[in-house]
Amino acid sequence: MTERRRAPGPALARLGAWAADYAWATDRQLRHLLRPPLPAVPSDRLPSDRSPVVLLPGIYETWEFLGPVATALARAGHPIHAVPGLKHNARPVPESADVVVEHLERTGLAGAVLVAHSKGGLIGKRVLLSPASDQVLGMVAIATPFTGSRWARYMLPQALRSFDPRDPVLLALAGELLVNERITAVYPRFDPHIPETGELPGARNIELPLSGHFRPLGHPMLVNTVVHEVARVETEHAVT
């Protein structure tokens, strides 16, 4: 008599998704130690008439977390830009946004699209509310805690506790509704870090049947969605 194996329960499946998520994040941090260059647009596509893309990683992240997305966007002809001043992105959102604004003003980028992950989406929204907003067409934000995370209050580092839904910076950003129409929010069905999901009122919201906070960044479904949405933002919000 053969013994039939039981499928793992929801709790075990989510624990497995969490472990795989952190394994993917660890791999990205190791890649940073190798300091790879930003993805280059193939020489036969230069000069490019596509919108430049500015990468905004999440907290404690470098641009390598957005590497699969950046590579696909470069192949589509978009010049890719990181913001070195963000470093590992541990500063408060307002300060980080100031760093991005200074970078935009110094480089003179125009018609840019922000592509952000997690905290990067909060930074990007604040940039869209700044004087540098005229240099940006819109933003595609991936797994961003626009309304915070219920787990944040239990975190020891202050940088993580700032994602508490009661945080004044988060509440102020949430109250700025008009700019949401320039944002596409892409988020997985299950995010262990953001149980509230990355949905944003008034934005274009896209939920994908994926699990995790970090690992979806390397999934072809998410990568293709971001490339498609950047092209849509480029077309619909271009200055004529």
Protein backbone atom coordinates (compact mmCIF):
# COMPACT_ATOMS: atom_id res chain seq x y z
CA MET A 1 0.00 0.00 0.00
CA THR A 2 1.53 3.31 -1.09
CA GLU A 3 1.50 6.16 1.34
CA ARG A 4 0.17 9.34 -0.20
CA ARG A 5 2.14 12.46 0.63
CA ARG A 6 0.17 15.39 1.89
CA ALA A 7 0.62 18.76 0.29
CA PRO A 8 2.20 21.31 2.66
CA GLY A 9 -0.29 23.45 4.53
CA PRO A 10 -0.62 27.20 3.92
CA ALA A 11 1.58 28.09 6.90
CA LEU A 12 4.38 25.75 5.77
CA ALA A 13 4.12 26.96 2.18
CA ARG A 14 4.41 30.58 3.31
CA LEU A 15 7.39 29.73 5.52
CA GLY A 16 9.06 28.17 2.48
CA ALA A 17 8.29 31.28 0.41
CA TRP A 18 9.82 33.45 3.15
CA ALA A 19 13.02 31.33 3.22
CA ALA A 20 13.34 31.45 -0.58
CA ASP A 21 12.77 35.20 -0.47
CA TYR A 22 15.69 35.78 1.91
CA ALA A 23 17.92 33.41 -0.06
CA TRP A 24 17.32 35.57 -3.14
CA ALA A 25 18.04 38.75 -1.17
CA THR A 26 21.30 37.27 0.15
CA ASP A 27 22.37 36.46 -3.39
CA ARG A 28 21.79 40.10 -4.42
CA GLN A 29 23.89 41.38 -1.52
CA LEU A 30 26.72 39.04 -2.53
CA ARG A 31 26.50 40.34 -6.09
CA HIS A 32 27.03 43.84 -4.72
CA LEU A 33 30.39 42.75 -3.29
CA LEU A 34 31.46 41.95 -6.85
CA ARG A 35 30.43 45.50 -7.85
CA PRO A 36 29.04 44.73 -11.32
CA PRO A 37 28.53 47.67 -13.68
CA LEU A 38 25.07 48.96 -14.54
CA PRO A 39 23.48 47.18 -17.51
CA ALA A 40 24.60 48.91 -20.70
CA VAL A 41 22.37 49.64 -23.66
CA PRO A 42 23.73 47.69 -26.68
CA SER A 43 25.88 49.93 -28.87
CA ASP A 44 23.67 49.40 -31.92
CA ARG A 45 20.84 51.09 -30.01
CA LEU A 46 22.77 54.24 -29.16
CA PRO A 47 21.87 57.05 -29.08
CA SER A 48 18.63 55.99 -27.46
CA ASP A 49 15.36 57.86 -27.79
CA ARG A 50 13.80 55.88 -24.96
CA SER A 51 13.13 57.42 -21.56
CA PRO A 52 15.96 57.14 -19.05
CA VAL A 53 15.15 54.93 -16.06
CA VAL A 54 16.26 55.83 -12.53
CA LEU A 55 16.53 52.89 -10.13
CA LEU A 56 15.34 53.37 -6.52
CA PRO A 57 16.05 50.27 -4.42
CA GLY A 58 14.51 49.45 -1.04
CA ILE A 59 15.93 49.81 2.45
CA TYR A 60 19.39 48.25 2.95
CA GLU A 61 19.39 47.49 -0.78
CA THR A 62 21.63 48.52 -3.65
CA TRP A 63 20.61 48.74 -7.30
CA GLU A 64 21.58 45.06 -7.82
CA PHE A 65 18.21 44.06 -6.31
CA LEU A 66 16.64 45.60 -9.39
CA GLY A 67 19.25 44.00 -11.65
CA PRO A 68 16.92 41.66 -13.64
CA VAL A 69 14.49 44.52 -14.26
CA ALA A 70 17.32 46.92 -15.17
CA THR A 71 18.81 44.44 -17.64
CA ALA A 72 15.47 43.94 -19.40
CA LEU A 73 14.89 47.69 -19.57
CA ALA A 74 18.38 48.25 -20.98
CA ARG A 75 17.69 45.65 -23.66
CA ALA A 76 14.52 47.57 -24.52
CA GLY A 77 16.71 50.62 -25.14
CA HIS A 78 16.30 52.58 -21.90
CA PRO A 79 19.42 54.26 -20.47
CA ILE A 80 19.74 53.01 -16.88
CA HIS A 81 20.76 55.26 -13.99
CA ALA A 82 21.49 54.45 -10.36
CA VAL A 83 21.77 57.07 -7.61
CA PRO A 84 25.13 56.45 -5.89
CA GLY A 85 24.27 58.87 -3.08
CA LEU A 86 21.58 56.50 -1.78
CA LYS A 87 24.28 53.96 -0.83
CA HIS A 88 22.42 51.23 1.11
CA ASN A 89 19.34 53.43 1.46
CA ALA A 90 19.15 53.51 5.25
CA ARG A 91 18.34 57.22 5.65
CA PRO A 92 14.79 58.48 6.32
CA VAL A 93 12.55 58.80 3.26
CA PRO A 94 12.66 62.66 3.13
CA GLU A 95 16.48 62.69 3.20
CA SER A 96 16.72 59.95 0.58
CA ALA A 97 14.29 61.82 -1.65
CA ASP A 98 16.49 64.93 -1.36
CA VAL A 99 19.45 62.83 -2.55
CA VAL A 100 17.47 61.70 -5.61
CA VAL A 101 16.28 65.25 -6.35
CA GLU A 102 19.85 66.53 -6.16
CA HIS A 103 20.94 63.75 -8.53
CA LEU A 104 18.22 64.61 -11.04
CA GLU A 105 19.06 68.31 -10.93
CA ARG A 106 22.81 67.74 -11.19
CA THR A 107 22.59 65.28 -14.10
CA GLY A 108 19.87 67.24 -15.90
CA LEU A 109 17.89 64.09 -16.68
CA ALA A 110 14.58 64.83 -18.37
CA GLY A 111 11.59 62.66 -19.17
CA ALA A 112 12.78 59.99 -16.72
CA VAL A 113 10.78 57.09 -15.32
CA LEU A 114 11.44 55.99 -11.74
CA VAL A 115 11.54 52.22 -11.17
CA ALA A 116 11.42 51.50 -7.46
CA HIS A 117 11.31 48.60 -5.04
CA SER A 118 9.78 48.72 -1.56
CA LYS A 119 10.98 51.86 0.29
CA GLY A 120 12.18 53.17 -3.07
CA GLY A 121 8.54 53.72 -4.02
CA LEU A 122 8.03 56.00 -1.01
CA ILE A 123 11.14 57.94 -1.99
CA GLY A 124 9.89 58.13 -5.57
CA LYS A 125 6.48 59.44 -4.55
CA ARG A 126 8.13 62.21 -2.55
CA VAL A 127 10.29 63.05 -5.60
CA LEU A 128 7.10 63.31 -7.66
CA LEU A 129 5.90 65.90 -5.12
CA SER A 130 9.14 67.90 -5.34
CA PRO A 131 10.25 70.65 -7.76
CA ALA A 132 12.18 67.93 -9.66
CA SER A 133 8.84 66.35 -10.57
CA ASP A 134 9.00 68.15 -13.94
CA GLN A 135 11.96 65.94 -14.87
CA VAL A 136 10.01 62.73 -14.21
CA LEU A 137 7.18 61.23 -16.28
CA GLY A 138 6.02 58.77 -13.64
CA MET A 139 6.97 55.79 -11.51
CA VAL A 140 6.62 52.03 -11.49
CA ALA A 141 6.79 50.93 -7.84
CA ILE A 142 7.25 47.27 -6.89
CA ALA A 143 6.07 45.93 -3.52
CA THR A 144 6.01 49.37 -1.88
CA PRO A 145 4.49 49.74 1.61
CA PHE A 146 2.46 52.84 0.75
CA THR A 147 0.38 52.37 3.92
CA GLY A 148 3.20 50.79 5.94
CA SER A 149 3.49 47.32 7.41
CA ARG A 150 1.93 45.99 10.57
CA TRP A 151 5.22 44.20 11.38
CA ALA A 152 7.27 47.42 11.47
CA ARG A 153 6.44 48.33 15.07
CA TYR A 154 8.17 45.11 16.23
CA MET A 155 11.46 45.86 14.47
CA LEU A 156 14.47 46.99 16.50
CA PRO A 157 16.18 49.36 14.01
CA GLN A 158 14.52 52.76 13.79
CA ALA A 159 14.92 52.65 10.00
CA LEU A 160 12.53 49.67 9.88
CA ARG A 161 10.13 51.04 12.49
CA SER A 162 9.56 54.03 10.20
CA PHE A 163 7.29 51.75 8.14
CA ASP A 164 4.78 51.66 10.98
CA PRO A 165 1.38 52.66 9.50
CA ARG A 166 1.17 55.41 12.16
CA ASP A 167 4.44 57.05 11.07
CA PRO A 168 3.91 60.78 10.30
CA VAL A 169 5.93 60.66 7.06
CA LEU A 170 3.89 57.72 5.77
CA LEU A 171 0.62 59.38 6.75
CA ALA A 172 1.63 62.62 5.02
CA LEU A 173 2.58 60.76 1.83
CA ALA A 174 -0.66 58.77 1.92
CA GLY A 175 -2.59 62.03 2.07
CA GLU A 176 -1.06 63.23 -1.21
CA LEU A 177 -3.52 61.67 -3.65
CA LEU A 178 -3.22 63.69 -6.86
CA VAL A 179 0.23 62.38 -7.76
CA ASN A 180 -0.93 58.76 -7.49
CA GLU A 181 -2.24 58.84 -11.06
CA ARG A 182 1.39 58.98 -12.23
CA ILE A 183 2.26 55.77 -10.37
CA THR A 184 1.91 52.13 -11.31
CA ALA A 185 1.93 49.90 -8.22
CA VAL A 186 3.00 46.31 -8.94
CA TYR A 187 2.86 43.84 -6.06
CA PRO A 188 2.79 40.07 -5.35
CA ARG A 189 -0.29 38.31 -4.06
CA PHE A 190 1.59 37.31 -0.89
CA ASP A 191 4.27 39.56 0.56
CA PRO A 192 5.61 38.41 3.96
CA HIS A 193 6.89 41.91 4.70
CA ILE A 194 3.80 43.83 3.64
CA PRO A 195 0.63 41.90 4.54
CA GLU A 196 -1.34 45.02 3.56
CA THR A 197 -0.08 44.61 -0.08
CA GLY A 198 1.39 47.38 -2.20
CA GLU A 199 -1.93 48.70 -3.50
CA LEU A 200 -2.19 52.47 -3.89
CA PRO A 201 -5.53 54.33 -4.21
CA GLY A 202 -5.83 56.26 -7.46
CA ALA A 203 -2.82 54.54 -9.02
CA ARG A 204 -2.71 51.85 -11.68
CA ASN A 205 -2.59 48.71 -9.50
CA ILE A 206 -1.32 45.36 -10.77
CA GLU A 207 -1.36 42.31 -8.50
CA LEU A 208 0.72 39.37 -9.73
CA PRO A 209 0.23 35.71 -8.64
CA LEU A 210 3.66 35.61 -6.99
CA SER A 211 4.99 35.21 -3.44
CA GLY A 212 7.73 37.11 -1.69
CA HIS A 213 9.09 40.59 -1.24
CA PHE A 214 12.48 40.18 -2.95
CA ARG A 215 12.33 37.06 -5.12
CA PRO A 216 9.59 38.37 -7.46
CA LEU A 217 12.13 40.95 -8.68
CA GLY A 218 13.77 38.16 -10.66
CA HIS A 219 10.59 36.53 -11.95
CA PRO A 220 9.97 36.90 -15.71
CA MET A 221 6.31 37.80 -15.09
CA LEU A 222 7.24 40.76 -12.93
CA VAL A 223 10.15 41.81 -15.14
CA ASN A 224 7.94 41.80 -18.25
CA THR A 225 5.21 43.71 -16.40
CA VAL A 226 7.64 46.44 -15.37
CA VAL A 227 9.07 46.77 -18.89
CA HIS A 228 5.54 47.05 -20.28
CA GLU A 229 4.49 49.62 -17.67
CA VAL A 230 7.58 51.77 -18.19
CA ALA A 231 6.74 51.87 -21.91
CA ARG A 232 3.13 52.81 -21.07
CA VAL A 233 4.25 55.62 -18.74
CA GLU A 234 6.67 56.81 -21.42
CA THR A 235 3.84 56.97 -23.99
CA GLU A 236 0.97 58.29 -21.86
CA HIS A 237 2.83 60.86 -19.78
CA ALA A 238 5.34 62.13 -22.33
CA VAL A 239 5.52 65.91 -22.54
CA THR A 240 4.31 67.07 -25.95
